[in-house]
């Protein structure tokens, strides 16, 4: 079995790579912070001395990096190193980028003899740990078939979305809904708390009725116990929100809910809470008191 490259062991990348390892897939890892690889190394994975080694040794390289700038740096894009790294390689981004970025990167990689596919995932840290993510795959059909066994080790559902950037566009569509409902949940629980209601009772009503969902079952108890441990950070959610709003503006699509959520997350970031879980918007509501977001 070919050794698979995996670059990016952050909040999502580490548990995703662990699930690949549990499936018996040999891994060559690289991460800017080597300490994040300790559990994987104990399980038998290798760690590259530099990112270039991953491309040199692995025919398929999976990346889970924070943004396009980080991915470009790893690929050596716009440098002589780019072609030697990606030629005859299948490069796969599991993260979320802008549609324009994904389209341009795919063209650049193909122009020098490489292949590119995207599989942004729906879910946060807990679904990543449990292998219950949903992958939105886009790329050439043969490449997507090659990726199925790898993605199946990390995800409970694989959804083909056509050519790049179809996966990106699908992810942005679903993330709009996800951000809106979690922001609304935080606002509703702040309202209940400020009215003196028992949040355990609030959750009993919410989670036993027609409004229950997997998202609410994870996030509502976190809010009630004021657990802001990161599953998906405020900073990351805001970045993705900006991507979807920008894509909507380019296409002339109105997004009033996404715009409102962006303002709430910007306020939360301004309070220094960017590295806490997205439910930390609760603290933003508390800080505002009777003020109204504008």
C-alpha atoms as a PDB file:
ATOM      1  CA  UNK A   1       0.000   0.000   0.000  1.00  0.00           C
ATOM      2  CA  UNK A   2       1.299   3.453  -0.913  1.00  0.00           C
ATOM      3  CA  UNK A   3       2.248   5.757   1.923  1.00  0.00           C
ATOM      4  CA  UNK A   4      -0.169   8.689   2.007  1.00  0.00           C
ATOM      5  CA  UNK A   5       1.011  12.196   2.770  1.00  0.00           C
ATOM      6  CA  UNK A   6      -0.911  14.236   5.322  1.00  0.00           C
ATOM      7  CA  UNK A   7      -0.062  17.887   5.959  1.00  0.00           C
ATOM      8  CA  UNK A   8      -1.807  19.948   8.643  1.00  0.00           C
ATOM      9  CA  UNK A   9      -2.499  18.508  12.117  1.00  0.00           C
ATOM     10  CA  UNK A  10      -4.671  21.195  13.645  1.00  0.00           C
ATOM     11  CA  UNK A  11      -8.015  20.923  15.425  1.00  0.00           C
ATOM     12  CA  UNK A  12      -9.511  18.887  12.576  1.00  0.00           C
ATOM     13  CA  UNK A  13      -6.436  17.461  10.873  1.00  0.00           C
ATOM     14  CA  UNK A  14      -5.094  15.485  13.819  1.00  0.00           C
ATOM     15  CA  UNK A  15      -8.221  13.372  14.460  1.00  0.00           C
ATOM     16  CA  UNK A  16      -8.722  12.892  10.727  1.00  0.00           C
ATOM     17  CA  UNK A  17      -5.193  11.556  10.361  1.00  0.00           C
ATOM     18  CA  UNK A  18      -5.707   9.312  13.394  1.00  0.00           C
ATOM     19  CA  UNK A  19      -8.717   7.736  11.698  1.00  0.00           C
ATOM     20  CA  UNK A  20      -6.644   7.078   8.584  1.00  0.00           C
ATOM     21  CA  UNK A  21      -4.088   5.396  10.801  1.00  0.00           C
ATOM     22  CA  UNK A  22      -6.746   3.274  12.524  1.00  0.00           C
ATOM     23  CA  UNK A  23      -7.790   2.080   9.070  1.00  0.00           C
ATOM     24  CA  UNK A  24      -4.273   0.737   8.522  1.00  0.00           C
ATOM     25  CA  UNK A  25      -3.164   3.417   6.050  1.00  0.00           C
ATOM     26  CA  UNK A  26       0.583   4.214   6.267  1.00  0.00           C
ATOM     27  CA  UNK A  27       1.154   7.939   6.743  1.00  0.00           C
ATOM     28  CA  UNK A  28       3.967  10.405   6.220  1.00  0.00           C
ATOM     29  CA  UNK A  29       3.133  13.555   8.156  1.00  0.00           C
ATOM     30  CA  UNK A  30       4.259  17.134   8.202  1.00  0.00           C
ATOM     31  CA  UNK A  31       3.061  19.935  10.424  1.00  0.00           C
ATOM     32  CA  UNK A  32       4.537  23.294  11.308  1.00  0.00           C
ATOM     33  CA  UNK A  33       4.340  22.261  14.978  1.00  0.00           C
ATOM     34  CA  UNK A  34       5.825  18.743  15.223  1.00  0.00           C
ATOM     35  CA  UNK A  35       4.382  18.171  18.704  1.00  0.00           C
ATOM     36  CA  UNK A  36       0.920  17.763  17.214  1.00  0.00           C
ATOM     37  CA  UNK A  37       2.055  14.479  15.656  1.00  0.00           C
ATOM     38  CA  UNK A  38       2.957  12.666  18.889  1.00  0.00           C
ATOM     39  CA  UNK A  39      -0.091  10.372  19.038  1.00  0.00           C
ATOM     40  CA  UNK A  40       0.291   9.485  15.362  1.00  0.00           C
ATOM     41  CA  UNK A  41       3.987   8.760  15.745  1.00  0.00           C
ATOM     42  CA  UNK A  42       3.236   6.399  18.613  1.00  0.00           C
ATOM     43  CA  UNK A  43       0.898   4.602  16.233  1.00  0.00           C
ATOM     44  CA  UNK A  44       3.624   4.096  13.633  1.00  0.00           C
ATOM     45  CA  UNK A  45       3.316   7.118  11.349  1.00  0.00           C
ATOM     46  CA  UNK A  46       6.440   8.838  10.027  1.00  0.00           C
ATOM     47  CA  UNK A  47       7.186  12.545  10.279  1.00  0.00           C
ATOM     48  CA  UNK A  48       8.911  14.349   7.399  1.00  0.00           C
ATOM     49  CA  UNK A  49      11.801  16.675   8.084  1.00  0.00           C
ATOM     50  CA  UNK A  50      10.252  19.207   5.702  1.00  0.00           C
ATOM     51  CA  UNK A  51       7.069  19.432   3.661  1.00  0.00           C
ATOM     52  CA  UNK A  52       8.916  18.796   0.376  1.00  0.00           C
ATOM     53  CA  UNK A  53       9.719  15.262   1.540  1.00  0.00           C
ATOM     54  CA  UNK A  54       5.999  14.448   1.664  1.00  0.00           C
ATOM     55  CA  UNK A  55       5.572  15.307  -2.023  1.00  0.00           C
ATOM     56  CA  UNK A  56       8.769  13.491  -2.952  1.00  0.00           C
ATOM     57  CA  UNK A  57       7.662  10.228  -1.338  1.00  0.00           C
ATOM     58  CA  UNK A  58       3.859  10.190  -1.575  1.00  0.00           C
ATOM     59  CA  UNK A  59       1.732   9.898  -4.742  1.00  0.00           C
ATOM     60  CA  UNK A  60      -1.294  11.270  -2.861  1.00  0.00           C
ATOM     61  CA  UNK A  61      -0.991  14.204  -0.472  1.00  0.00           C
ATOM     62  CA  UNK A  62      -3.913  15.242   1.741  1.00  0.00           C
ATOM     63  CA  UNK A  63      -3.830  18.738   3.217  1.00  0.00           C
ATOM     64  CA  UNK A  64      -5.856  20.262   6.033  1.00  0.00           C
ATOM     65  CA  UNK A  65      -4.451  23.769   6.296  1.00  0.00           C
ATOM     66  CA  UNK A  66      -5.890  26.942   7.721  1.00  0.00           C
ATOM     67  CA  UNK A  67      -6.105  28.932   4.476  1.00  0.00           C
ATOM     68  CA  UNK A  68      -4.916  29.310   0.906  1.00  0.00           C
ATOM     69  CA  UNK A  69      -1.781  31.188   1.922  1.00  0.00           C
ATOM     70  CA  UNK A  70      -0.643  28.257   4.072  1.00  0.00           C
ATOM     71  CA  UNK A  71      -1.407  25.779   1.285  1.00  0.00           C
ATOM     72  CA  UNK A  72       0.433  27.900  -1.293  1.00  0.00           C
ATOM     73  CA  UNK A  73       3.477  28.014   0.966  1.00  0.00           C
ATOM     74  CA  UNK A  74       3.526  24.241   1.404  1.00  0.00           C
ATOM     75  CA  UNK A  75       3.128  23.723  -2.348  1.00  0.00           C
ATOM     76  CA  UNK A  76       5.781  26.283  -3.210  1.00  0.00           C
ATOM     77  CA  UNK A  77       3.264  27.919  -5.511  1.00  0.00           C
ATOM     78  CA  UNK A  78       4.659  30.729  -7.688  1.00  0.00           C
ATOM     79  CA  UNK A  79       8.176  29.356  -7.162  1.00  0.00           C
ATOM     80  CA  UNK A  80      10.350  26.877  -9.132  1.00  0.00           C
ATOM     81  CA  UNK A  81       9.619  24.300  -6.397  1.00  0.00           C
ATOM     82  CA  UNK A  82       5.930  24.103  -7.321  1.00  0.00           C
ATOM     83  CA  UNK A  83       6.268  21.877 -10.381  1.00  0.00           C
ATOM     84  CA  UNK A  84       8.708  19.462  -8.771  1.00  0.00           C
ATOM     85  CA  UNK A  85       6.376  19.043  -5.810  1.00  0.00           C
ATOM     86  CA  UNK A  86       3.034  18.558  -7.559  1.00  0.00           C
ATOM     87  CA  UNK A  87       3.931  16.940 -10.897  1.00  0.00           C
ATOM     88  CA  UNK A  88       2.534  13.389 -11.060  1.00  0.00           C
ATOM     89  CA  UNK A  89       0.956  13.881  -7.649  1.00  0.00           C
ATOM     90  CA  UNK A  90      -2.679  14.006  -6.556  1.00  0.00           C
ATOM     91  CA  UNK A  91      -3.013  16.974  -4.208  1.00  0.00           C
ATOM     92  CA  UNK A  92      -6.181  17.044  -2.124  1.00  0.00           C
ATOM     93  CA  UNK A  93      -7.437  19.866   0.071  1.00  0.00           C
ATOM     94  CA  UNK A  94      -9.779  18.848   2.882  1.00  0.00           C
ATOM     95  CA  UNK A  95     -10.148  22.455   4.047  1.00  0.00           C
ATOM     96  CA  UNK A  96     -12.424  25.247   2.855  1.00  0.00           C
ATOM     97  CA  UNK A  97     -11.153  27.892   0.456  1.00  0.00           C
ATOM     98  CA  UNK A  98     -12.794  30.468  -1.768  1.00  0.00           C
ATOM     99  CA  UNK A  99     -14.253  29.140  -5.046  1.00  0.00           C
ATOM    100  CA  UNK A 100     -11.918  31.397  -7.040  1.00  0.00           C
ATOM    101  CA  UNK A 101      -8.885  30.132  -5.132  1.00  0.00           C
ATOM    102  CA  UNK A 102      -9.857  26.485  -5.628  1.00  0.00           C
ATOM    103  CA  UNK A 103     -10.464  26.991  -9.341  1.00  0.00           C
ATOM    104  CA  UNK A 104      -7.132  28.763  -9.806  1.00  0.00           C
ATOM    105  CA  UNK A 105      -5.150  26.226  -7.807  1.00  0.00           C
ATOM    106  CA  UNK A 106      -6.630  23.334  -9.764  1.00  0.00           C
ATOM    107  CA  UNK A 107      -5.650  25.014 -13.036  1.00  0.00           C
ATOM    108  CA  UNK A 108      -2.101  25.729 -11.830  1.00  0.00           C
ATOM    109  CA  UNK A 109      -1.528  22.164 -10.614  1.00  0.00           C
ATOM    110  CA  UNK A 110      -2.902  20.622 -13.811  1.00  0.00           C
ATOM    111  CA  UNK A 111      -0.741  22.975 -15.928  1.00  0.00           C
ATOM    112  CA  UNK A 112       2.454  21.407 -14.535  1.00  0.00           C
ATOM    113  CA  UNK A 113       1.317  17.792 -14.744  1.00  0.00           C
ATOM    114  CA  UNK A 114      -0.295  17.272 -11.360  1.00  0.00           C
ATOM    115  CA  UNK A 115      -3.872  16.583 -10.318  1.00  0.00           C
ATOM    116  CA  UNK A 116      -6.048  18.354  -7.798  1.00  0.00           C
ATOM    117  CA  UNK A 117      -9.186  17.339  -5.942  1.00  0.00           C
ATOM    118  CA  UNK A 118     -11.041  18.916  -3.075  1.00  0.00           C
ATOM    119  CA  UNK A 119     -13.029  17.319  -0.289  1.00  0.00           C
ATOM    120  CA  UNK A 120     -13.997  19.963   2.281  1.00  0.00           C
ATOM    121  CA  UNK A 121     -15.723  18.328   5.209  1.00  0.00           C
ATOM    122  CA  UNK A 122     -18.831  19.176   7.192  1.00  0.00           C
ATOM    123  CA  UNK A 123     -18.402  18.736  10.924  1.00  0.00           C
ATOM    124  CA  UNK A 124     -16.224  19.890  13.805  1.00  0.00           C
ATOM    125  CA  UNK A 125     -13.730  18.266  16.193  1.00  0.00           C
ATOM    126  CA  UNK A 126     -16.097  15.673  17.704  1.00  0.00           C
ATOM    127  CA  UNK A 127     -17.385  14.289  14.368  1.00  0.00           C
ATOM    128  CA  UNK A 128     -13.773  14.290  13.156  1.00  0.00           C
ATOM    129  CA  UNK A 129     -12.743  12.175  16.147  1.00  0.00           C
ATOM    130  CA  UNK A 130     -15.663   9.792  15.566  1.00  0.00           C
ATOM    131  CA  UNK A 131     -15.105   9.478  11.814  1.00  0.00           C
ATOM    132  CA  UNK A 132     -18.554  10.965  11.162  1.00  0.00           C
ATOM    133  CA  UNK A 133     -17.655  13.837   8.863  1.00  0.00           C
ATOM    134  CA  UNK A 134     -19.366  14.405   5.524  1.00  0.00           C
ATOM    135  CA  UNK A 135     -16.997  15.000   2.598  1.00  0.00           C
ATOM    136  CA  UNK A 136     -18.031  17.047  -0.434  1.00  0.00           C
ATOM    137  CA  UNK A 137     -15.789  15.681  -3.179  1.00  0.00           C
ATOM    138  CA  UNK A 138     -14.954  17.475  -6.407  1.00  0.00           C
ATOM    139  CA  UNK A 139     -12.445  16.668  -9.114  1.00  0.00           C
ATOM    140  CA  UNK A 140     -11.849  14.192 -11.918  1.00  0.00           C
ATOM    141  CA  UNK A 141     -13.936  11.000 -11.496  1.00  0.00           C
ATOM    142  CA  UNK A 142     -10.876   8.707 -11.533  1.00  0.00           C
ATOM    143  CA  UNK A 143      -9.185  10.765  -8.815  1.00  0.00           C
ATOM    144  CA  UNK A 144     -12.310  10.720  -6.655  1.00  0.00           C
ATOM    145  CA  UNK A 145     -12.523   6.932  -6.944  1.00  0.00           C
ATOM    146  CA  UNK A 146      -8.913   6.711  -5.839  1.00  0.00           C
ATOM    147  CA  UNK A 147      -9.745   8.851  -2.822  1.00  0.00           C
ATOM    148  CA  UNK A 148     -12.837   6.946  -1.693  1.00  0.00           C
ATOM    149  CA  UNK A 149     -11.030   4.461   0.592  1.00  0.00           C
ATOM    150  CA  UNK A 150      -9.099   7.285   2.245  1.00  0.00           C
ATOM    151  CA  UNK A 151     -12.077   9.550   2.738  1.00  0.00           C
ATOM    152  CA  UNK A 152     -14.225   6.656   3.955  1.00  0.00           C
ATOM    153  CA  UNK A 153     -11.789   6.149   6.831  1.00  0.00           C
ATOM    154  CA  UNK A 154     -12.520   9.699   8.025  1.00  0.00           C
ATOM    155  CA  UNK A 155     -16.108  10.268   6.940  1.00  0.00           C
ATOM    156  CA  UNK A 156     -19.490   8.573   7.226  1.00  0.00           C
ATOM    157  CA  UNK A 157     -20.737  10.044   3.958  1.00  0.00           C
ATOM    158  CA  UNK A 158     -19.058  10.990   0.687  1.00  0.00           C
ATOM    159  CA  UNK A 159     -21.001  13.282  -1.626  1.00  0.00           C
ATOM    160  CA  UNK A 160     -19.755  13.797  -5.217  1.00  0.00           C
ATOM    161  CA  UNK A 161     -20.127  17.447  -6.240  1.00  0.00           C
ATOM    162  CA  UNK A 162     -18.790  17.468  -9.804  1.00  0.00           C
ATOM    163  CA  UNK A 163     -15.749  19.432 -10.900  1.00  0.00           C
ATOM    164  CA  UNK A 164     -13.713  21.822  -8.736  1.00  0.00           C
ATOM    165  CA  UNK A 165     -14.938  24.089  -7.093  1.00  0.00           C
ATOM    166  CA  UNK A 166     -18.212  22.162  -6.681  1.00  0.00           C
ATOM    167  CA  UNK A 167     -17.157  20.802  -3.293  1.00  0.00           C
ATOM    168  CA  UNK A 168     -16.237  24.273  -2.086  1.00  0.00           C
ATOM    169  CA  UNK A 169     -19.556  25.738  -3.193  1.00  0.00           C
ATOM    170  CA  UNK A 170     -21.473  22.916  -1.510  1.00  0.00           C
ATOM    171  CA  UNK A 171     -19.517  23.426   1.712  1.00  0.00           C
ATOM    172  CA  UNK A 172     -20.197  27.174   1.727  1.00  0.00           C
ATOM    173  CA  UNK A 173     -23.899  26.519   1.164  1.00  0.00           C
ATOM    174  CA  UNK A 174     -24.116  24.147   4.123  1.00  0.00           C
ATOM    175  CA  UNK A 175     -21.886  26.213   6.397  1.00  0.00           C
ATOM    176  CA  UNK A 176     -24.219  29.188   6.009  1.00  0.00           C
ATOM    177  CA  UNK A 177     -26.985  27.098   7.565  1.00  0.00           C
ATOM    178  CA  UNK A 178     -24.687  25.700  10.258  1.00  0.00           C
ATOM    179  CA  UNK A 179     -23.353  29.096  11.334  1.00  0.00           C
ATOM    180  CA  UNK A 180     -26.860  30.569  11.415  1.00  0.00           C
ATOM    181  CA  UNK A 181     -28.356  27.858  13.621  1.00  0.00           C
ATOM    182  CA  UNK A 182     -25.475  27.810  16.128  1.00  0.00           C
ATOM    183  CA  UNK A 183     -25.451  31.606  16.370  1.00  0.00           C
ATOM    184  CA  UNK A 184     -29.231  31.537  16.869  1.00  0.00           C
ATOM    185  CA  UNK A 185     -28.887  28.822  19.519  1.00  0.00           C
ATOM    186  CA  UNK A 186     -26.370  30.948  21.434  1.00  0.00           C
ATOM    187  CA  UNK A 187     -28.673  33.958  21.218  1.00  0.00           C
ATOM    188  CA  UNK A 188     -31.679  31.943  22.372  1.00  0.00           C
ATOM    189  CA  UNK A 189     -29.802  30.550  25.363  1.00  0.00           C
ATOM    190  CA  UNK A 190     -28.567  34.016  26.310  1.00  0.00           C
ATOM    191  CA  UNK A 191     -32.178  35.221  26.183  1.00  0.00           C
ATOM    192  CA  UNK A 192     -33.267  32.329  28.410  1.00  0.00           C
ATOM    193  CA  UNK A 193     -30.446  32.903  30.898  1.00  0.00           C
ATOM    194  CA  UNK A 194     -31.099  36.658  31.095  1.00  0.00           C
ATOM    195  CA  UNK A 195     -34.747  35.866  31.825  1.00  0.00           C
ATOM    196  CA  UNK A 196     -33.650  33.720  34.752  1.00  0.00           C
ATOM    197  CA  UNK A 197     -34.588  30.401  33.172  1.00  0.00           C
ATOM    198  CA  UNK A 198     -32.864  27.115  33.985  1.00  0.00           C
ATOM    199  CA  UNK A 199     -30.726  26.233  30.969  1.00  0.00           C
ATOM    200  CA  UNK A 200     -30.992  22.529  31.756  1.00  0.00           C
ATOM    201  CA  UNK A 201     -34.757  22.889  31.339  1.00  0.00           C
ATOM    202  CA  UNK A 202     -34.229  24.889  28.164  1.00  0.00           C
ATOM    203  CA  UNK A 203     -32.165  22.033  26.765  1.00  0.00           C
ATOM    204  CA  UNK A 204     -34.758  19.512  27.869  1.00  0.00           C
ATOM    205  CA  UNK A 205     -37.386  21.324  25.813  1.00  0.00           C
ATOM    206  CA  UNK A 206     -35.068  21.896  22.851  1.00  0.00           C
ATOM    207  CA  UNK A 207     -33.535  18.443  22.631  1.00  0.00           C
ATOM    208  CA  UNK A 208     -36.720  16.460  23.193  1.00  0.00           C
ATOM    209  CA  UNK A 209     -38.800  18.349  20.658  1.00  0.00           C
ATOM    210  CA  UNK A 210     -38.944  18.902  16.894  1.00  0.00           C
ATOM    211  CA  UNK A 211     -36.065  21.408  16.990  1.00  0.00           C
ATOM    212  CA  UNK A 212     -33.566  18.766  18.144  1.00  0.00           C
ATOM    213  CA  UNK A 213     -30.594  18.063  15.889  1.00  0.00           C
ATOM    214  CA  UNK A 214     -27.142  16.541  16.129  1.00  0.00           C
ATOM    215  CA  UNK A 215     -25.705  20.067  16.158  1.00  0.00           C
ATOM    216  CA  UNK A 216     -27.943  21.149  19.039  1.00  0.00           C
ATOM    217  CA  UNK A 217     -27.147  17.973  20.994  1.00  0.00           C
ATOM    218  CA  UNK A 218     -23.462  18.885  20.878  1.00  0.00           C
ATOM    219  CA  UNK A 219     -23.593  22.661  21.205  1.00  0.00           C
ATOM    220  CA  UNK A 220     -26.492  23.273  23.625  1.00  0.00           C
ATOM    221  CA  UNK A 221     -24.905  21.363  26.534  1.00  0.00           C
ATOM    222  CA  UNK A 222     -21.581  23.140  25.836  1.00  0.00           C
ATOM    223  CA  UNK A 223     -23.293  26.507  26.155  1.00  0.00           C
ATOM    224  CA  UNK A 224     -25.190  25.507  29.301  1.00  0.00           C
ATOM    225  CA  UNK A 225     -21.999  24.447  31.100  1.00  0.00           C
ATOM    226  CA  UNK A 226     -20.024  27.355  29.606  1.00  0.00           C
ATOM    227  CA  UNK A 227     -17.590  25.005  27.908  1.00  0.00           C
ATOM    228  CA  UNK A 228     -15.810  26.997  25.221  1.00  0.00           C
ATOM    229  CA  UNK A 229     -13.230  24.326  24.368  1.00  0.00           C
ATOM    230  CA  UNK A 230     -12.607  24.499  20.635  1.00  0.00           C
ATOM    231  CA  UNK A 231     -14.466  22.266  18.243  1.00  0.00           C
ATOM    232  CA  UNK A 232     -14.699  24.992  15.600  1.00  0.00           C
ATOM    233  CA  UNK A 233     -13.153  28.307  16.630  1.00  0.00           C
ATOM    234  CA  UNK A 234     -14.698  31.751  16.334  1.00  0.00           C
ATOM    235  CA  UNK A 235     -11.749  32.804  14.161  1.00  0.00           C
ATOM    236  CA  UNK A 236     -12.157  29.870  11.768  1.00  0.00           C
ATOM    237  CA  UNK A 237     -15.927  30.294  11.529  1.00  0.00           C
ATOM    238  CA  UNK A 238     -15.512  33.989  10.788  1.00  0.00           C
ATOM    239  CA  UNK A 239     -12.984  33.237   8.051  1.00  0.00           C
ATOM    240  CA  UNK A 240     -15.352  30.769   6.386  1.00  0.00           C
ATOM    241  CA  UNK A 241     -18.282  33.167   6.810  1.00  0.00           C
ATOM    242  CA  UNK A 242     -16.310  35.824   4.978  1.00  0.00           C
ATOM    243  CA  UNK A 243     -15.564  33.358   2.166  1.00  0.00           C
ATOM    244  CA  UNK A 244     -19.222  32.562   1.662  1.00  0.00           C
ATOM    245  CA  UNK A 245     -20.297  36.206   1.833  1.00  0.00           C
ATOM    246  CA  UNK A 246     -17.631  37.169  -0.717  1.00  0.00           C
ATOM    247  CA  UNK A 247     -18.741  34.348  -3.021  1.00  0.00           C
ATOM    248  CA  UNK A 248     -22.350  35.469  -2.647  1.00  0.00           C
ATOM    249  CA  UNK A 249     -21.464  39.056  -3.482  1.00  0.00           C
ATOM    250  CA  UNK A 250     -19.627  37.954  -6.626  1.00  0.00           C
ATOM    251  CA  UNK A 251     -22.714  36.016  -7.719  1.00  0.00           C
ATOM    252  CA  UNK A 252     -25.223  38.708  -6.711  1.00  0.00           C
ATOM    253  CA  UNK A 253     -26.840  36.474  -4.055  1.00  0.00           C
ATOM    254  CA  UNK A 254     -28.286  38.125  -0.913  1.00  0.00           C
ATOM    255  CA  UNK A 255     -27.143  36.684   2.441  1.00  0.00           C
ATOM    256  CA  UNK A 256     -28.741  38.758   5.216  1.00  0.00           C
ATOM    257  CA  UNK A 257     -28.442  35.985   7.820  1.00  0.00           C
ATOM    258  CA  UNK A 258     -24.783  35.326   7.007  1.00  0.00           C
ATOM    259  CA  UNK A 259     -24.127  39.084   7.176  1.00  0.00           C
ATOM    260  CA  UNK A 260     -25.708  39.293  10.636  1.00  0.00           C
ATOM    261  CA  UNK A 261     -23.767  36.263  11.884  1.00  0.00           C
ATOM    262  CA  UNK A 262     -20.546  37.749  10.550  1.00  0.00           C
ATOM    263  CA  UNK A 263     -21.103  40.896  12.600  1.00  0.00           C
ATOM    264  CA  UNK A 264     -21.708  38.825  15.752  1.00  0.00           C
ATOM    265  CA  UNK A 265     -18.517  36.830  15.200  1.00  0.00           C
ATOM    266  CA  UNK A 266     -16.525  39.992  14.446  1.00  0.00           C
ATOM    267  CA  UNK A 267     -17.721  41.424  17.773  1.00  0.00           C
ATOM    268  CA  UNK A 268     -16.703  38.187  19.493  1.00  0.00           C
ATOM    269  CA  UNK A 269     -13.272  38.280  17.853  1.00  0.00           C
ATOM    270  CA  UNK A 270     -12.842  41.900  18.984  1.00  0.00           C
ATOM    271  CA  UNK A 271     -13.363  40.709  22.572  1.00  0.00           C
ATOM    272  CA  UNK A 272     -10.275  38.504  22.215  1.00  0.00           C
ATOM    273  CA  UNK A 273     -12.250  35.262  21.945  1.00  0.00           C
ATOM    274  CA  UNK A 274     -11.128  34.183  18.481  1.00  0.00           C
ATOM    275  CA  UNK A 275      -9.525  30.940  19.649  1.00  0.00           C
ATOM    276  CA  UNK A 276     -12.535  29.761  21.656  1.00  0.00           C
ATOM    277  CA  UNK A 277     -15.341  27.626  20.273  1.00  0.00           C
ATOM    278  CA  UNK A 278     -17.908  29.386  18.111  1.00  0.00           C
ATOM    279  CA  UNK A 279     -20.478  29.187  20.923  1.00  0.00           C
ATOM    280  CA  UNK A 280     -18.368  31.848  22.648  1.00  0.00           C
ATOM    281  CA  UNK A 281     -20.576  34.312  20.778  1.00  0.00           C
ATOM    282  CA  UNK A 282     -22.639  33.897  23.950  1.00  0.00           C
ATOM    283  CA  UNK A 283     -20.047  36.071  25.691  1.00  0.00           C
ATOM    284  CA  UNK A 284     -20.479  38.685  23.003  1.00  0.00           C
ATOM    285  CA  UNK A 285     -24.204  38.841  23.697  1.00  0.00           C
ATOM    286  CA  UNK A 286     -23.504  39.120  27.416  1.00  0.00           C
ATOM    287  CA  UNK A 287     -20.973  41.907  26.845  1.00  0.00           C
ATOM    288  CA  UNK A 288     -23.383  43.878  24.703  1.00  0.00           C
ATOM    289  CA  UNK A 289     -26.046  43.917  27.379  1.00  0.00           C
ATOM    290  CA  UNK A 290     -28.923  45.978  26.092  1.00  0.00           C
ATOM    291  CA  UNK A 291     -26.962  47.369  23.137  1.00  0.00           C
ATOM    292  CA  UNK A 292     -28.023  46.295  19.674  1.00  0.00           C
ATOM    293  CA  UNK A 293     -25.597  44.975  17.060  1.00  0.00           C
ATOM    294  CA  UNK A 294     -25.497  47.250  14.069  1.00  0.00           C
END
